[in-house]
C-alpha atoms as a PDB file:
ATOM      1  CA  MET A   1     141.290   7.649 164.357  1.00  0.00           C
ATOM      2  CA  SER A   2     138.679  10.012 165.836  1.00  0.00           C
ATOM      3  CA  VAL A   3     140.663  12.791 164.253  1.00  0.00           C
ATOM      4  CA  THR A   4     140.672  11.511 160.947  1.00  0.00           C
ATOM      5  CA  ILE A   5     136.928  10.808 160.989  1.00  0.00           C
ATOM      6  CA  LEU A   6     136.285  14.392 162.229  1.00  0.00           C
ATOM      7  CA  ASN A   7     138.437  15.719 159.459  1.00  0.00           C
ATOM      8  CA  ALA A   8     136.490  13.479 156.921  1.00  0.00           C
ATOM      9  CA  ASN A   9     133.135  14.847 158.191  1.00  0.00           C
ATOM     10  CA  ARG A  10     134.362  18.527 158.201  1.00  0.00           C
ATOM     11  CA  ARG A  11     135.412  18.174 154.351  1.00  0.00           C
ATOM     12  CA  LEU A  12     132.008  16.096 153.570  1.00  0.00           C
ATOM     13  CA  THR A  13     130.387  18.987 155.092  1.00  0.00           C
ATOM     14  CA  TYR A  14     132.218  21.635 152.996  1.00  0.00           C
ATOM     15  CA  ILE A  15     131.542  19.810 149.952  1.00  0.00           C
ATOM     16  CA  CYS A  16     127.935  19.819 150.559  1.00  0.00           C
ATOM     17  CA  ILE A  17     127.740  23.177 151.442  1.00  0.00           C
ATOM     18  CA  LEU A  18     129.221  23.902 148.008  1.00  0.00           C
ATOM     19  CA  GLN A  19     127.011  21.332 146.105  1.00  0.00           C
ATOM     20  CA  SER A  20     124.057  23.433 147.962  1.00  0.00           C
ATOM     21  CA  ILE A  21     125.332  26.793 146.882  1.00  0.00           C
ATOM     22  CA  ARG A  22     126.073  25.639 143.323  1.00  0.00           C
ATOM     23  CA  GLY A  23     122.502  24.281 143.089  1.00  0.00           C
ATOM     24  CA  ARG A  24     120.898  27.343 143.913  1.00  0.00           C
ATOM     25  CA  MET A  25     122.929  29.538 141.512  1.00  0.00           C
ATOM     26  CA  MET A  26     122.585  27.190 138.818  1.00  0.00           C
ATOM     27  CA  HIS A  27     118.749  25.875 139.101  1.00  0.00           C
ATOM     28  CA  ASN A  28     116.474  27.895 141.592  1.00  0.00           C
ATOM     29  CA  GLN A  29     113.291  26.328 140.308  1.00  0.00           C
ATOM     30  CA  ALA A  30     112.092  23.655 137.977  1.00  0.00           C
ATOM     31  CA  GLY A  31     111.485  24.256 134.327  1.00  0.00           C
ATOM     32  CA  PRO A  32     113.747  26.093 132.017  1.00  0.00           C
ATOM     33  CA  GLU A  33     115.040  29.752 133.607  1.00  0.00           C
ATOM     34  CA  VAL A  34     115.158  31.341 130.196  1.00  0.00           C
ATOM     35  CA  LEU A  35     112.753  30.984 127.526  1.00  0.00           C
ATOM     36  CA  ILE A  36     114.434  31.180 123.851  1.00  0.00           C
ATOM     37  CA  GLU A  37     112.604  31.512 120.732  1.00  0.00           C
ATOM     38  CA  ARG A  38     112.664  32.821 117.310  1.00  0.00           C
ATOM     39  CA  VAL A  39     109.493  34.290 115.688  1.00  0.00           C
ATOM     40  CA  GLY A  40     110.012  35.420 112.264  1.00  0.00           C
ATOM     41  CA  THR A  41     113.244  37.571 112.235  1.00  0.00           C
ATOM     42  CA  ALA A  42     112.823  38.179 115.952  1.00  0.00           C
ATOM     43  CA  GLY A  43     114.744  36.453 118.718  1.00  0.00           C
ATOM     44  CA  ILE A  44     112.978  36.585 121.937  1.00  0.00           C
ATOM     45  CA  ILE A  45     114.591  36.134 125.592  1.00  0.00           C
ATOM     46  CA  THR A  46     111.955  35.384 128.258  1.00  0.00           C
ATOM     47  CA  LEU A  47     113.557  35.351 132.041  1.00  0.00           C
ATOM     48  CA  ASN A  48     111.414  32.852 133.576  1.00  0.00           C
ATOM     49  CA  ARG A  49     111.869  32.828 137.094  1.00  0.00           C
ATOM     50  CA  PRO A  50     108.737  34.795 138.033  1.00  0.00           C
ATOM     51  CA  LYS A  51     108.496  33.404 141.800  1.00  0.00           C
ATOM     52  CA  ALA A  52     112.117  34.905 142.269  1.00  0.00           C
ATOM     53  CA  LEU A  53     110.959  38.125 140.519  1.00  0.00           C
ATOM     54  CA  ASN A  54     113.086  36.906 137.452  1.00  0.00           C
ATOM     55  CA  ALA A  55     116.659  37.413 139.566  1.00  0.00           C
ATOM     56  CA  LEU A  56     119.357  36.660 137.149  1.00  0.00           C
ATOM     57  CA  ASN A  57     121.507  33.438 138.014  1.00  0.00           C
ATOM     58  CA  LEU A  58     124.568  32.190 136.380  1.00  0.00           C
ATOM     59  CA  SER A  59     123.085  29.222 134.616  1.00  0.00           C
ATOM     60  CA  MET A  60     120.788  32.077 132.947  1.00  0.00           C
ATOM     61  CA  ILE A  61     123.780  34.204 131.672  1.00  0.00           C
ATOM     62  CA  ARG A  62     125.244  31.062 130.526  1.00  0.00           C
ATOM     63  CA  MET A  63     121.922  30.801 128.496  1.00  0.00           C
ATOM     64  CA  ILE A  64     121.489  34.124 127.391  1.00  0.00           C
ATOM     65  CA  TYR A  65     125.277  35.341 126.274  1.00  0.00           C
ATOM     66  CA  PRO A  66     125.895  32.386 123.695  1.00  0.00           C
ATOM     67  CA  GLN A  67     122.411  32.875 122.032  1.00  0.00           C
ATOM     68  CA  LEU A  68     123.093  36.604 121.563  1.00  0.00           C
ATOM     69  CA  LYS A  69     126.229  35.810 119.981  1.00  0.00           C
ATOM     70  CA  LYS A  70     124.606  33.104 117.824  1.00  0.00           C
ATOM     71  CA  TRP A  71     121.749  35.668 116.586  1.00  0.00           C
ATOM     72  CA  GLN A  72     124.505  38.436 116.376  1.00  0.00           C
ATOM     73  CA  VAL A  73     126.074  36.263 112.928  1.00  0.00           C
ATOM     74  CA  ASP A  74     122.546  34.936 111.940  1.00  0.00           C
ATOM     75  CA  GLU A  75     121.192  36.995 108.815  1.00  0.00           C
ATOM     76  CA  GLU A  76     117.731  35.780 109.482  1.00  0.00           C
ATOM     77  CA  ALA A  77     117.655  37.170 113.031  1.00  0.00           C
ATOM     78  CA  ALA A  78     117.288  40.799 112.774  1.00  0.00           C
ATOM     79  CA  ILE A  79     116.123  41.986 116.030  1.00  0.00           C
ATOM     80  CA  VAL A  80     116.212  40.844 119.695  1.00  0.00           C
ATOM     81  CA  ILE A  81     113.646  41.238 122.196  1.00  0.00           C
ATOM     82  CA  ILE A  82     114.161  40.514 125.984  1.00  0.00           C
ATOM     83  CA  LYS A  83     111.415  40.699 128.650  1.00  0.00           C
ATOM     84  CA  GLY A  84     110.236  38.853 131.950  1.00  0.00           C
ATOM     85  CA  ALA A  85     107.803  36.113 132.698  1.00  0.00           C
ATOM     86  CA  GLY A  86     105.123  36.746 135.579  1.00  0.00           C
ATOM     87  CA  GLY A  87     103.864  40.364 135.251  1.00  0.00           C
ATOM     88  CA  LYS A  88     105.585  41.505 138.347  1.00  0.00           C
ATOM     89  CA  ALA A  89     109.119  42.190 137.341  1.00  0.00           C
ATOM     90  CA  PHE A  90     111.621  42.351 134.270  1.00  0.00           C
ATOM     91  CA  CYS A  91     114.362  41.328 136.585  1.00  0.00           C
ATOM     92  CA  ALA A  92     114.802  42.360 140.216  1.00  0.00           C
ATOM     93  CA  GLY A  93     118.278  41.918 140.169  1.00  0.00           C
ATOM     94  CA  GLY A  94     120.999  39.138 140.657  1.00  0.00           C
ATOM     95  CA  ASP A  95     120.852  36.160 142.870  1.00  0.00           C
ATOM     96  CA  ILE A  96     123.117  38.016 145.658  1.00  0.00           C
ATOM     97  CA  ARG A  97     122.295  35.728 148.181  1.00  0.00           C
ATOM     98  CA  ALA A  98     123.468  32.743 146.560  1.00  0.00           C
ATOM     99  CA  VAL A  99     126.736  34.857 145.418  1.00  0.00           C
ATOM    100  CA  THR A 100     127.694  35.657 149.016  1.00  0.00           C
ATOM    101  CA  GLU A 101     127.168  32.248 150.377  1.00  0.00           C
ATOM    102  CA  ALA A 102     129.699  31.311 147.406  1.00  0.00           C
ATOM    103  CA  GLY A 103     132.011  33.687 148.302  1.00  0.00           C
ATOM    104  CA  LYS A 104     132.194  33.174 151.965  1.00  0.00           C
ATOM    105  CA  VAL A 105     133.072  29.629 151.489  1.00  0.00           C
ATOM    106  CA  GLY A 106     135.708  30.408 148.746  1.00  0.00           C
ATOM    107  CA  ASP A 107     133.720  28.860 145.732  1.00  0.00           C
ATOM    108  CA  PRO A 108     134.869  30.502 142.463  1.00  0.00           C
ATOM    109  CA  LEU A 109     131.306  30.239 141.283  1.00  0.00           C
ATOM    110  CA  ALA A 110     130.731  34.024 142.771  1.00  0.00           C
ATOM    111  CA  GLN A 111     133.743  35.331 140.928  1.00  0.00           C
ATOM    112  CA  ASP A 112     132.259  33.333 137.812  1.00  0.00           C
ATOM    113  CA  PHE A 113     128.929  35.066 138.152  1.00  0.00           C
ATOM    114  CA  PHE A 114     130.140  38.668 138.293  1.00  0.00           C
ATOM    115  CA  ARG A 115     132.852  38.053 135.402  1.00  0.00           C
ATOM    116  CA  GLU A 116     130.281  36.526 132.908  1.00  0.00           C
ATOM    117  CA  GLU A 117     127.596  38.926 133.904  1.00  0.00           C
ATOM    118  CA  TYR A 118     129.631  41.693 132.687  1.00  0.00           C
ATOM    119  CA  ILE A 119     130.695  40.075 129.397  1.00  0.00           C
ATOM    120  CA  LEU A 120     127.042  39.526 128.776  1.00  0.00           C
ATOM    121  CA  ASN A 121     126.520  43.351 129.628  1.00  0.00           C
ATOM    122  CA  HIS A 122     129.040  44.017 127.163  1.00  0.00           C
ATOM    123  CA  ALA A 123     127.523  41.742 124.480  1.00  0.00           C
ATOM    124  CA  ILE A 124     124.290  43.854 125.021  1.00  0.00           C
ATOM    125  CA  GLY A 125     125.907  46.988 124.420  1.00  0.00           C
ATOM    126  CA  THR A 126     128.088  46.040 121.320  1.00  0.00           C
ATOM    127  CA  LEU A 127     125.253  43.996 119.625  1.00  0.00           C
ATOM    128  CA  GLN A 128     124.951  45.195 115.981  1.00  0.00           C
ATOM    129  CA  LYS A 129     121.143  44.730 115.750  1.00  0.00           C
ATOM    130  CA  PRO A 130     118.192  46.264 117.578  1.00  0.00           C
ATOM    131  CA  TYR A 131     117.650  45.232 121.066  1.00  0.00           C
ATOM    132  CA  VAL A 132     114.685  45.956 122.912  1.00  0.00           C
ATOM    133  CA  ALA A 133     114.240  45.621 126.488  1.00  0.00           C
ATOM    134  CA  LEU A 134     110.629  45.574 127.838  1.00  0.00           C
ATOM    135  CA  ILE A 135     111.135  46.374 131.157  1.00  0.00           C
ATOM    136  CA  ASP A 136     107.509  46.087 132.230  1.00  0.00           C
ATOM    137  CA  GLY A 137     107.852  45.737 135.897  1.00  0.00           C
ATOM    138  CA  ILE A 138     110.711  45.888 138.727  1.00  0.00           C
ATOM    139  CA  THR A 139     114.072  46.320 137.234  1.00  0.00           C
ATOM    140  CA  MET A 140     117.168  46.674 139.638  1.00  0.00           C
ATOM    141  CA  GLY A 141     120.792  45.725 139.641  1.00  0.00           C
ATOM    142  CA  GLY A 142     121.097  42.487 137.175  1.00  0.00           C
ATOM    143  CA  GLY A 143     117.983  43.752 135.407  1.00  0.00           C
ATOM    144  CA  VAL A 144     119.324  46.901 134.554  1.00  0.00           C
ATOM    145  CA  GLY A 145     122.708  45.380 133.150  1.00  0.00           C
ATOM    146  CA  LEU A 146     120.319  43.301 131.046  1.00  0.00           C
ATOM    147  CA  SER A 147     118.348  46.488 129.656  1.00  0.00           C
ATOM    148  CA  VAL A 148     119.990  49.798 129.935  1.00  0.00           C
ATOM    149  CA  HIS A 149     122.974  48.573 127.929  1.00  0.00           C
ATOM    150  CA  GLY A 150     120.925  47.927 124.988  1.00  0.00           C
ATOM    151  CA  ARG A 151     119.560  50.412 122.557  1.00  0.00           C
ATOM    152  CA  PHE A 152     116.029  50.475 123.175  1.00  0.00           C
ATOM    153  CA  ARG A 153     114.493  50.380 126.796  1.00  0.00           C
ATOM    154  CA  VAL A 154     110.818  50.412 127.173  1.00  0.00           C
ATOM    155  CA  ALA A 155     109.326  51.406 130.565  1.00  0.00           C
ATOM    156  CA  THR A 156     105.768  51.242 131.699  1.00  0.00           C
ATOM    157  CA  GLU A 157     103.560  52.437 134.724  1.00  0.00           C
ATOM    158  CA  LYS A 158     104.516  49.220 136.417  1.00  0.00           C
ATOM    159  CA  THR A 159     108.413  49.850 136.015  1.00  0.00           C
ATOM    160  CA  LEU A 160     110.219  50.376 139.111  1.00  0.00           C
ATOM    161  CA  PHE A 161     113.963  51.035 138.752  1.00  0.00           C
ATOM    162  CA  ALA A 162     116.418  51.441 141.472  1.00  0.00           C
ATOM    163  CA  MET A 163     120.306  50.811 141.915  1.00  0.00           C
ATOM    164  CA  PRO A 164     120.065  49.508 145.476  1.00  0.00           C
ATOM    165  CA  GLU A 165     123.465  48.366 145.547  1.00  0.00           C
ATOM    166  CA  THR A 166     124.688  50.872 148.128  1.00  0.00           C
ATOM    167  CA  ALA A 167     122.056  49.521 150.645  1.00  0.00           C
ATOM    168  CA  ILE A 168     124.208  46.154 150.683  1.00  0.00           C
ATOM    169  CA  GLY A 169     127.833  47.739 150.645  1.00  0.00           C
ATOM    170  CA  LEU A 170     128.515  47.289 146.852  1.00  0.00           C
ATOM    171  CA  PHE A 171     129.476  49.741 144.350  1.00  0.00           C
ATOM    172  CA  PRO A 172     126.786  50.449 141.374  1.00  0.00           C
ATOM    173  CA  ASP A 173     127.171  47.475 139.611  1.00  0.00           C
ATOM    174  CA  VAL A 174     126.335  45.978 136.059  1.00  0.00           C
ATOM    175  CA  GLY A 175     128.236  49.058 134.216  1.00  0.00           C
ATOM    176  CA  GLY A 176     126.526  51.703 136.298  1.00  0.00           C
ATOM    177  CA  GLY A 177     129.778  53.482 136.428  1.00  0.00           C
ATOM    178  CA  TYR A 178     129.372  54.099 132.496  1.00  0.00           C
ATOM    179  CA  PHE A 179     125.858  54.936 132.239  1.00  0.00           C
ATOM    180  CA  LEU A 180     125.071  56.892 135.360  1.00  0.00           C
ATOM    181  CA  PRO A 181     127.433  59.704 134.746  1.00  0.00           C
ATOM    182  CA  ARG A 182     125.770  60.055 131.249  1.00  0.00           C
ATOM    183  CA  LEU A 183     122.390  61.133 132.832  1.00  0.00           C
ATOM    184  CA  GLN A 184     121.831  64.681 133.159  1.00  0.00           C
ATOM    185  CA  GLY A 185     123.779  66.884 135.544  1.00  0.00           C
ATOM    186  CA  LYS A 186     124.254  65.015 138.684  1.00  0.00           C
ATOM    187  CA  LEU A 187     121.278  62.744 138.391  1.00  0.00           C
ATOM    188  CA  GLY A 188     123.261  59.659 138.059  1.00  0.00           C
ATOM    189  CA  LEU A 189     125.512  60.267 140.870  1.00  0.00           C
ATOM    190  CA  PHE A 190     122.512  60.865 143.157  1.00  0.00           C
ATOM    191  CA  LEU A 191     120.938  57.652 141.963  1.00  0.00           C
ATOM    192  CA  ALA A 192     124.320  55.745 142.575  1.00  0.00           C
ATOM    193  CA  LEU A 193     124.527  56.862 146.103  1.00  0.00           C
ATOM    194  CA  THR A 194     121.093  56.954 147.290  1.00  0.00           C
ATOM    195  CA  GLY A 195     119.563  54.074 145.797  1.00  0.00           C
ATOM    196  CA  PHE A 196     116.522  56.462 144.885  1.00  0.00           C
ATOM    197  CA  ARG A 197     113.751  54.774 143.238  1.00  0.00           C
ATOM    198  CA  LEU A 198     112.083  55.803 139.899  1.00  0.00           C
ATOM    199  CA  LYS A 199     108.609  54.610 138.796  1.00  0.00           C
ATOM    200  CA  GLY A 200     106.965  54.470 135.469  1.00  0.00           C
ATOM    201  CA  LEU A 201     107.189  57.526 132.945  1.00  0.00           C
ATOM    202  CA  ASP A 202     109.818  58.981 135.274  1.00  0.00           C
ATOM    203  CA  VAL A 203     112.276  56.115 134.485  1.00  0.00           C
ATOM    204  CA  GLN A 204     112.138  57.581 130.870  1.00  0.00           C
ATOM    205  CA  ARG A 205     112.019  61.273 131.730  1.00  0.00           C
ATOM    206  CA  ALA A 206     115.460  60.399 133.771  1.00  0.00           C
ATOM    207  CA  GLY A 207     116.705  59.107 130.647  1.00  0.00           C
ATOM    208  CA  VAL A 208     117.289  55.361 131.956  1.00  0.00           C
ATOM    209  CA  ALA A 209     114.413  54.270 129.429  1.00  0.00           C
ATOM    210  CA  THR A 210     114.276  55.335 125.775  1.00  0.00           C
ATOM    211  CA  HIS A 211     110.373  55.129 125.694  1.00  0.00           C
ATOM    212  CA  PHE A 212     107.375  54.735 127.867  1.00  0.00           C
ATOM    213  CA  VAL A 213     104.753  52.646 126.702  1.00  0.00           C
ATOM    214  CA  LYS A 214     101.564  51.715 129.017  1.00  0.00           C
ATOM    215  CA  SER A 215     101.262  48.174 130.130  1.00  0.00           C
ATOM    216  CA  GLN A 216      98.323  47.048 128.280  1.00  0.00           C
ATOM    217  CA  LYS A 217      99.874  48.016 124.799  1.00  0.00           C
ATOM    218  CA  ILE A 218     102.940  46.059 125.402  1.00  0.00           C
ATOM    219  CA  ALA A 219     101.549  42.766 123.658  1.00  0.00           C
ATOM    220  CA  ALA A 220     100.567  44.890 120.736  1.00  0.00           C
ATOM    221  CA  LEU A 221     103.827  46.542 120.677  1.00  0.00           C
ATOM    222  CA  GLU A 222     105.921  43.298 120.551  1.00  0.00           C
ATOM    223  CA  LYS A 223     103.524  41.838 117.952  1.00  0.00           C
ATOM    224  CA  GLU A 224     104.307  44.736 115.666  1.00  0.00           C
ATOM    225  CA  LEU A 225     108.240  44.543 116.297  1.00  0.00           C
ATOM    226  CA  VAL A 226     108.031  40.995 115.873  1.00  0.00           C
ATOM    227  CA  GLU A 227     106.279  41.396 112.186  1.00  0.00           C
ATOM    228  CA  LEU A 228     108.894  43.597 110.912  1.00  0.00           C
ATOM    229  CA  ARG A 229     110.626  41.564 108.161  1.00  0.00           C
ATOM    230  CA  SER A 230     113.987  43.130 108.224  1.00  0.00           C
ATOM    231  CA  PRO A 231     113.958  46.133 110.923  1.00  0.00           C
ATOM    232  CA  SER A 232     116.297  48.569 111.137  1.00  0.00           C
ATOM    233  CA  ASN A 233     117.293  50.818 114.407  1.00  0.00           C
ATOM    234  CA  ALA A 234     115.099  53.475 112.424  1.00  0.00           C
ATOM    235  CA  ASP A 235     112.307  51.026 111.931  1.00  0.00           C
ATOM    236  CA  VAL A 236     112.073  50.094 115.519  1.00  0.00           C
ATOM    237  CA  SER A 237     112.455  53.674 116.759  1.00  0.00           C
ATOM    238  CA  ARG A 238     109.471  54.998 114.734  1.00  0.00           C
ATOM    239  CA  ILE A 239     107.276  52.240 116.222  1.00  0.00           C
ATOM    240  CA  LEU A 240     108.290  52.769 119.604  1.00  0.00           C
ATOM    241  CA  ASP A 241     108.070  56.792 119.028  1.00  0.00           C
ATOM    242  CA  SER A 242     104.478  56.183 118.002  1.00  0.00           C
ATOM    243  CA  TYR A 243     103.526  53.745 120.849  1.00  0.00           C
ATOM    244  CA  HIS A 244     105.255  56.424 123.388  1.00  0.00           C
ATOM    245  CA  LYS A 245     103.447  59.347 122.183  1.00  0.00           C
ATOM    246  CA  GLN A 246     100.138  57.372 122.519  1.00  0.00           C
ATOM    247  CA  SER A 247     100.797  56.319 125.853  1.00  0.00           C
ATOM    248  CA  ILE A 248     101.924  59.871 127.439  1.00  0.00           C
ATOM    249  CA  LEU A 249      98.898  61.987 125.930  1.00  0.00           C
ATOM    250  CA  ASP A 250      97.296  62.287 129.446  1.00  0.00           C
ATOM    251  CA  ALA A 251     100.473  62.317 131.532  1.00  0.00           C
ATOM    252  CA  GLU A 252      99.857  65.182 133.992  1.00  0.00           C
ATOM    253  CA  ASN A 253     102.658  65.133 136.657  1.00  0.00           C
ATOM    254  CA  GLY A 254     106.111  66.350 135.948  1.00  0.00           C
ATOM    255  CA  PHE A 255     109.251  64.472 136.850  1.00  0.00           C
ATOM    256  CA  VAL A 256     109.400  63.490 140.399  1.00  0.00           C
ATOM    257  CA  LEU A 257     112.701  65.129 140.902  1.00  0.00           C
ATOM    258  CA  GLN A 258     112.117  67.971 138.957  1.00  0.00           C
ATOM    259  CA  GLN A 259     111.694  70.181 142.042  1.00  0.00           C
ATOM    260  CA  HIS A 260     115.086  69.002 143.701  1.00  0.00           C
ATOM    261  CA  THR A 261     117.165  69.017 140.147  1.00  0.00           C
ATOM    262  CA  ASP A 262     118.967  72.050 140.965  1.00  0.00           C
ATOM    263  CA  VAL A 263     119.579  71.005 144.719  1.00  0.00           C
ATOM    264  CA  ILE A 264     120.976  67.816 143.435  1.00  0.00           C
ATOM    265  CA  ASP A 265     123.211  69.209 140.965  1.00  0.00           C
ATOM    266  CA  ARG A 266     124.701  71.828 143.723  1.00  0.00           C
ATOM    267  CA  LEU A 267     124.855  69.345 146.572  1.00  0.00           C
ATOM    268  CA  PHE A 268     126.232  66.237 144.640  1.00  0.00           C
ATOM    269  CA  ASN A 269     128.974  68.398 143.034  1.00  0.00           C
ATOM    270  CA  SER A 270     132.050  67.475 144.930  1.00  0.00           C
ATOM    271  CA  SER A 271     135.022  65.152 144.261  1.00  0.00           C
ATOM    272  CA  SER A 272     134.531  63.084 147.158  1.00  0.00           C
ATOM    273  CA  VAL A 273     131.646  61.461 149.144  1.00  0.00           C
ATOM    274  CA  GLU A 274     132.696  63.094 152.186  1.00  0.00           C
ATOM    275  CA  GLY A 275     132.312  66.622 150.188  1.00  0.00           C
ATOM    276  CA  ILE A 276     128.848  65.416 149.367  1.00  0.00           C
ATOM    277  CA  LEU A 277     127.686  64.403 152.933  1.00  0.00           C
ATOM    278  CA  LEU A 278     129.113  67.639 154.088  1.00  0.00           C
ATOM    279  CA  ASN A 279     126.897  69.615 151.536  1.00  0.00           C
ATOM    280  CA  LEU A 280     123.873  67.739 152.509  1.00  0.00           C
ATOM    281  CA  LYS A 281     124.059  68.084 156.101  1.00  0.00           C
ATOM    282  CA  THR A 282     124.991  71.771 155.825  1.00  0.00           C
ATOM    283  CA  GLU A 283     121.867  72.198 153.514  1.00  0.00           C
ATOM    284  CA  GLY A 284     119.830  70.763 156.448  1.00  0.00           C
ATOM    285  CA  SER A 285     116.420  69.980 154.460  1.00  0.00           C
ATOM    286  CA  PRO A 286     114.295  67.144 155.039  1.00  0.00           C
ATOM    287  CA  PHE A 287     115.325  66.071 151.399  1.00  0.00           C
ATOM    288  CA  ALA A 288     119.047  66.505 151.952  1.00  0.00           C
ATOM    289  CA  LEU A 289     119.376  64.562 155.318  1.00  0.00           C
ATOM    290  CA  LYS A 290     117.332  61.647 153.873  1.00  0.00           C
ATOM    291  CA  GLN A 291     119.841  61.377 150.947  1.00  0.00           C
ATOM    292  CA  ALA A 292     122.783  61.431 153.441  1.00  0.00           C
ATOM    293  CA  GLU A 293     121.710  57.672 154.636  1.00  0.00           C
ATOM    294  CA  ARG A 294     124.380  55.136 152.984  1.00  0.00           C
ATOM    295  CA  GLY A 295     126.737  52.259 153.818  1.00  0.00           C
ATOM    296  CA  GLN A 296     129.442  49.795 152.582  1.00  0.00           C
ATOM    297  CA  ASP A 297     130.735  46.218 153.191  1.00  0.00           C
ATOM    298  CA  PHE A 298     129.184  43.907 150.447  1.00  0.00           C
ATOM    299  CA  TYR A 299     128.706  40.767 152.703  1.00  0.00           C
ATOM    300  CA  GLU A 300     127.222  42.591 155.711  1.00  0.00           C
ATOM    301  CA  GLY A 301     125.182  44.366 153.804  1.00  0.00           C
ATOM    302  CA  VAL A 302     123.560  41.262 152.048  1.00  0.00           C
ATOM    303  CA  ARG A 303     123.348  39.735 155.719  1.00  0.00           C
ATOM    304  CA  ALA A 304     121.563  42.559 157.089  1.00  0.00           C
ATOM    305  CA  VAL A 305     119.164  43.240 154.135  1.00  0.00           C
ATOM    306  CA  LEU A 306     118.670  39.855 152.399  1.00  0.00           C
ATOM    307  CA  ILE A 307     119.569  37.212 154.953  1.00  0.00           C
ATOM    308  CA  ASN A 308     118.566  38.269 158.437  1.00  0.00           C
ATOM    309  CA  LYS A 309     116.651  41.122 157.204  1.00  0.00           C
ATOM    310  CA  ASP A 310     117.346  43.099 160.332  1.00  0.00           C
ATOM    311  CA  GLN A 311     118.331  46.277 158.307  1.00  0.00           C
ATOM    312  CA  ASN A 312     121.069  46.897 160.988  1.00  0.00           C
ATOM    313  CA  PRO A 313     124.207  46.328 159.296  1.00  0.00           C
ATOM    314  CA  LYS A 314     127.673  46.652 161.237  1.00  0.00           C
ATOM    315  CA  TRP A 315     129.827  48.052 158.700  1.00  0.00           C
ATOM    316  CA  ASN A 316     133.387  47.660 158.870  1.00  0.00           C
ATOM    317  CA  PRO A 317     134.802  50.245 158.664  1.00  0.00           C
ATOM    318  CA  SER A 318     131.838  51.569 160.867  1.00  0.00           C
ATOM    319  CA  THR A 319     132.248  55.165 159.211  1.00  0.00           C
ATOM    320  CA  LEU A 320     132.916  56.939 156.322  1.00  0.00           C
ATOM    321  CA  GLU A 321     135.734  58.889 157.598  1.00  0.00           C
ATOM    322  CA  GLU A 322     137.695  55.498 158.766  1.00  0.00           C
ATOM    323  CA  VAL A 323     137.664  54.535 154.971  1.00  0.00           C
ATOM    324  CA  SER A 324     141.285  55.039 154.007  1.00  0.00           C
ATOM    325  CA  VAL A 325     142.699  55.744 150.660  1.00  0.00           C
ATOM    326  CA  GLN A 326     144.044  52.193 150.629  1.00  0.00           C
ATOM    327  CA  ASP A 327     140.975  50.832 151.330  1.00  0.00           C
ATOM    328  CA  VAL A 328     139.533  52.657 148.221  1.00  0.00           C
ATOM    329  CA  ASP A 329     142.865  51.801 146.283  1.00  0.00           C
ATOM    330  CA  GLU A 330     142.109  48.128 147.114  1.00  0.00           C
ATOM    331  CA  CYS A 331     138.830  48.059 145.095  1.00  0.00           C
ATOM    332  CA  PHE A 332     140.506  49.036 142.034  1.00  0.00           C
ATOM    333  CA  SER A 333     143.460  46.991 142.281  1.00  0.00           C
ATOM    334  CA  SER A 334     144.522  44.629 139.454  1.00  0.00           C
ATOM    335  CA  LEU A 335     143.322  41.072 139.439  1.00  0.00           C
ATOM    336  CA  GLY A 336     146.420  40.224 137.313  1.00  0.00           C
ATOM    337  CA  ASP A 337     145.697  37.517 134.649  1.00  0.00           C
ATOM    338  CA  GLN A 338     142.019  37.706 135.947  1.00  0.00           C
ATOM    339  CA  ASP A 339     141.265  41.102 134.785  1.00  0.00           C
ATOM    340  CA  LEU A 340     138.605  41.396 132.672  1.00  0.00           C
ATOM    341  CA  ARG A 341     139.347  42.799 128.997  1.00  0.00           C
ATOM    342  CA  LEU A 342     136.406  44.006 126.944  1.00  0.00           C
ATOM    343  CA  ARG A 343     136.506  45.370 123.412  1.00  0.00           C
ATOM    344  CA  GLY A 344     134.089  46.292 120.692  1.00  0.00           C
ATOM    345  CA  PRO A 345     132.383  49.742 120.143  1.00  0.00           C
ATOM    346  CA  ARG A 346     129.489  50.420 122.156  1.00  0.00           C
ATOM    347  CA  GLN A 347     126.421  51.093 120.095  1.00  0.00           C
ATOM    348  CA  HIS A 348     124.849  53.978 122.088  1.00  0.00           C
ATOM    349  CA  SER A 349     124.802  56.188 124.938  1.00  0.00           C
ATOM    350  CA  PRO A 350     121.907  56.485 127.460  1.00  0.00           C
ATOM    351  CA  SER A 351     119.622  59.294 126.762  1.00  0.00           C
ATOM    352  CA  VAL A 352     119.748  62.636 128.642  1.00  0.00           C
ATOM    353  CA  LEU A 353     117.109  63.801 131.100  1.00  0.00           C
ATOM    354  CA  HIS A 354     113.610  64.484 128.889  1.00  0.00           C
ATOM    355  CA  HIS A 355     110.899  66.447 130.759  1.00  0.00           C
ATOM    356  CA  LEU A 356     107.597  65.944 129.296  1.00  0.00           C
END
């Protein structure tokens, strides 16, 4: 009898853990996590989790995706604008901590999150109407996926962009393997492997954003976009170009990586990470040695960076040299019937580097 009771208690505990995880992934705060409205011909999406820096969770994905599909076929919806609430972040990433907890206990919700997030990213990249992401604030991980695949990405002086996935042992997520190699030279590979942070105008100079507009002018820009009756991509581009030119008139400093561009192209020109690390260590400069820091193992990385916050992950394998070809191949192995197959032409490719 005692064994039966013990097993029943374990099952109850397991169920409670799953319910708790699902609750955090689906609803992490009171009130609507995404605000959706129509103003004239504009569909406006506002990420509304300011206390969580608008981190993307599954319920938000499930609100945004069907709305995009509706606006795609709605003749009265001519433009889509997406922004973040709170003034600090557009979207600081995905709710990775909740995903990790779900994955550890075998909850399929973890797989659902990534699968549906990628489907949403693809829908943004293939949208037939102007899509404007106002990335005013922190834009990382999941926030990059909600913005970089759209035709127009507007950075401000408050924008902080990074692909920090390697710090938690994850590959560059949300289509990073598509847009990063399309930046100039080896810049995309550098950003992917190091998690280097770009700020303000440098986000546009790197080609991640298409335009730079001062934060104080974003409200006026949005109003002007909304007032367009039947905007084409050319109409939107004309307005954004105008605001961009006004905002960079007093720009003095050059691109933050300008002095390192040639070095990055040379040192990151290798067919393997081992080769890149060898190049960096051989170079030996402070800049090169700093870029040599990296790691792998998703769950352990999340624990070290986001949960326990000891910043001391115990990687498995512990060194890059211990990673076998089989380990790498397993990351790309087929999921069988679960393989994600996306169709439809992309509407743009990210810009190349702009020096202003």
